Amino acid sequence: MTDQQLALEAISNAQLILEEYLQPCPKDNALILEKLVEVLERPALIVALSRLQQQSN
């Protein structure tokens, strides 16, 4: 998977989690935040984003 694909997958996953948060039904906000952090703090994603940032400089 390319760096761009990893980034797009993470954004897509994060959007789904945020959609869950925005639903009017009762929810566990702490669990939703955990899910979001889990998606955005994946080591492969962090490395991919670092490489993408270096390429853009």
N, C-alpha and C. Protein backbone atom coordinates (compact mmCIF):
# COMPACT_ATOMS: atom_id res chain seq x y z
N MET A 1 0.86 -1.18 0.00
CA MET A 1 0.00 0.00 0.00
C MET A 1 0.90 1.24 0.00
N THR A 2 0.55 2.19 -0.84
CA THR A 2 1.37 3.41 -0.92
C THR A 2 1.07 4.34 0.26
N ASP A 3 1.94 5.31 0.43
CA ASP A 3 1.73 6.30 1.50
C ASP A 3 0.41 7.04 1.30
N GLN A 4 0.12 7.38 0.05
CA GLN A 4 -1.12 8.08 -0.25
C GLN A 4 -2.33 7.21 0.09
N GLN A 5 -2.26 5.94 -0.23
CA GLN A 5 -3.36 5.03 0.08
C GLN A 5 -3.56 4.89 1.58
N LEU A 6 -2.47 4.80 2.33
CA LEU A 6 -2.57 4.73 3.79
C LEU A 6 -3.23 5.98 4.35
N ALA A 7 -2.84 7.13 3.84
CA ALA A 7 -3.41 8.39 4.31
C ALA A 7 -4.89 8.47 3.98
N LEU A 8 -5.26 8.10 2.76
CA LEU A 8 -6.67 8.14 2.36
C LEU A 8 -7.51 7.16 3.17
N GLU A 9 -6.97 6.00 3.44
CA GLU A 9 -7.69 5.01 4.25
C GLU A 9 -7.91 5.55 5.67
N ALA A 10 -6.91 6.17 6.23
CA ALA A 10 -7.03 6.73 7.58
C ALA A 10 -8.07 7.85 7.61
N ILE A 11 -8.05 8.70 6.60
CA ILE A 11 -9.04 9.79 6.55
C ILE A 11 -10.44 9.22 6.43
N SER A 12 -10.59 8.22 5.59
CA SER A 12 -11.90 7.58 5.42
C SER A 12 -12.39 6.96 6.72
N ASN A 13 -11.50 6.25 7.40
CA ASN A 13 -11.85 5.65 8.69
C ASN A 13 -12.20 6.71 9.73
N ALA A 14 -11.43 7.78 9.75
CA ALA A 14 -11.69 8.86 10.70
C ALA A 14 -13.04 9.51 10.42
N GLN A 15 -13.38 9.67 9.15
CA GLN A 15 -14.68 10.25 8.80
C GLN A 15 -15.83 9.36 9.29
N LEU A 16 -15.68 8.05 9.16
CA LEU A 16 -16.71 7.14 9.65
C LEU A 16 -16.88 7.25 11.16
N ILE A 17 -15.77 7.38 11.86
CA ILE A 17 -15.82 7.52 13.31
C ILE A 17 -16.49 8.83 13.69
N LEU A 18 -16.17 9.90 12.98
CA LEU A 18 -16.80 11.19 13.26
C LEU A 18 -18.29 11.17 12.94
N GLU A 19 -18.68 10.44 11.92
CA GLU A 19 -20.10 10.28 11.62
C GLU A 19 -20.81 9.60 12.78
N GLU A 20 -20.16 8.61 13.37
CA GLU A 20 -20.72 7.93 14.55
C GLU A 20 -20.91 8.93 15.69
N TYR A 21 -19.91 9.79 15.89
CA TYR A 21 -19.98 10.79 16.95
C TYR A 21 -21.13 11.77 16.73
N LEU A 22 -21.36 12.12 15.48
CA LEU A 22 -22.37 13.13 15.15
C LEU A 22 -23.80 12.59 15.16
N GLN A 23 -23.97 11.30 15.30
CA GLN A 23 -25.31 10.72 15.36
C GLN A 23 -26.01 11.20 16.63
N PRO A 24 -27.32 11.46 16.54
CA PRO A 24 -28.04 12.00 17.70
C PRO A 24 -28.32 10.97 18.80
N CYS A 25 -28.02 9.71 18.55
CA CYS A 25 -28.31 8.69 19.56
C CYS A 25 -27.26 8.72 20.68
N PRO A 26 -27.57 8.13 21.84
CA PRO A 26 -26.59 8.07 22.93
C PRO A 26 -25.32 7.34 22.48
N LYS A 27 -24.20 7.80 22.95
CA LYS A 27 -22.94 7.19 22.54
C LYS A 27 -21.90 7.30 23.65
N ASP A 28 -20.88 6.50 23.52
CA ASP A 28 -19.76 6.52 24.45
C ASP A 28 -18.66 7.37 23.83
N ASN A 29 -18.61 8.64 24.18
CA ASN A 29 -17.65 9.55 23.57
C ASN A 29 -16.21 9.15 23.81
N ALA A 30 -15.92 8.58 24.95
CA ALA A 30 -14.55 8.15 25.24
C ALA A 30 -14.15 7.03 24.29
N LEU A 31 -15.05 6.11 24.02
CA LEU A 31 -14.76 5.01 23.10
C LEU A 31 -14.57 5.54 21.68
N ILE A 32 -15.38 6.50 21.29
CA ILE A 32 -15.25 7.09 19.95
C ILE A 32 -13.90 7.78 19.82
N LEU A 33 -13.49 8.51 20.84
CA LEU A 33 -12.19 9.17 20.82
C LEU A 33 -11.06 8.14 20.75
N GLU A 34 -11.19 7.06 21.49
CA GLU A 34 -10.20 5.98 21.43
C GLU A 34 -10.06 5.44 20.02
N LYS A 35 -11.20 5.22 19.36
CA LYS A 35 -11.18 4.71 17.99
C LYS A 35 -10.47 5.68 17.06
N LEU A 36 -10.74 6.95 17.22
CA LEU A 36 -10.13 7.97 16.37
C LEU A 36 -8.62 8.02 16.59
N VAL A 37 -8.21 8.00 17.83
CA VAL A 37 -6.77 8.00 18.14
C VAL A 37 -6.11 6.75 17.57
N GLU A 38 -6.78 5.61 17.69
CA GLU A 38 -6.22 4.36 17.17
C GLU A 38 -5.98 4.45 15.67
N VAL A 39 -6.90 5.05 14.94
CA VAL A 39 -6.76 5.20 13.50
C VAL A 39 -5.62 6.16 13.16
N LEU A 40 -5.59 7.30 13.84
CA LEU A 40 -4.64 8.34 13.47
C LEU A 40 -3.24 8.14 14.03
N GLU A 41 -3.08 7.26 15.00
CA GLU A 41 -1.77 7.03 15.61
C GLU A 41 -1.14 5.71 15.17
N ARG A 42 -1.64 5.12 14.10
CA ARG A 42 -1.03 3.89 13.59
C ARG A 42 0.39 4.20 13.14
N PRO A 43 1.35 3.38 13.59
CA PRO A 43 2.75 3.64 13.23
C PRO A 43 2.98 3.75 11.71
N ALA A 44 2.34 2.88 10.94
CA ALA A 44 2.52 2.93 9.48
C ALA A 44 2.01 4.25 8.92
N LEU A 45 0.94 4.76 9.47
CA LEU A 45 0.39 6.04 9.00
C LEU A 45 1.33 7.18 9.36
N ILE A 46 1.85 7.17 10.56
CA ILE A 46 2.76 8.24 10.99
C ILE A 46 3.99 8.28 10.09
N VAL A 47 4.54 7.12 9.76
CA VAL A 47 5.70 7.06 8.87
C VAL A 47 5.32 7.54 7.47
N ALA A 48 4.17 7.10 6.99
CA ALA A 48 3.72 7.48 5.65
C ALA A 48 3.52 9.00 5.57
N LEU A 49 2.89 9.58 6.57
CA LEU A 49 2.68 11.03 6.58
C LEU A 49 4.00 11.78 6.64
N SER A 50 4.94 11.27 7.38
CA SER A 50 6.25 11.90 7.47
C SER A 50 6.92 11.91 6.10
N ARG A 51 6.84 10.78 5.40
CA ARG A 51 7.45 10.71 4.06
C ARG A 51 6.74 11.67 3.10
N LEU A 52 5.41 11.72 3.17
CA LEU A 52 4.67 12.62 2.30
C LEU A 52 5.02 14.08 2.57
N GLN A 53 5.19 14.42 3.84
CA GLN A 53 5.58 15.79 4.18
C GLN A 53 6.97 16.12 3.66
N GLN A 54 7.88 15.16 3.74
CA GLN A 54 9.23 15.39 3.25
C GLN A 54 9.23 15.58 1.74
N GLN A 55 8.37 14.84 1.04
CA GLN A 55 8.29 14.95 -0.42
C GLN A 55 7.74 16.31 -0.84
N SER A 56 6.88 16.89 -0.02
CA SER A 56 6.26 18.16 -0.39
C SER A 56 7.14 19.36 -0.08
N ASN A 57 8.22 19.13 0.66
CA ASN A 57 9.14 20.25 0.99
C ASN A 57 10.20 20.42 -0.05
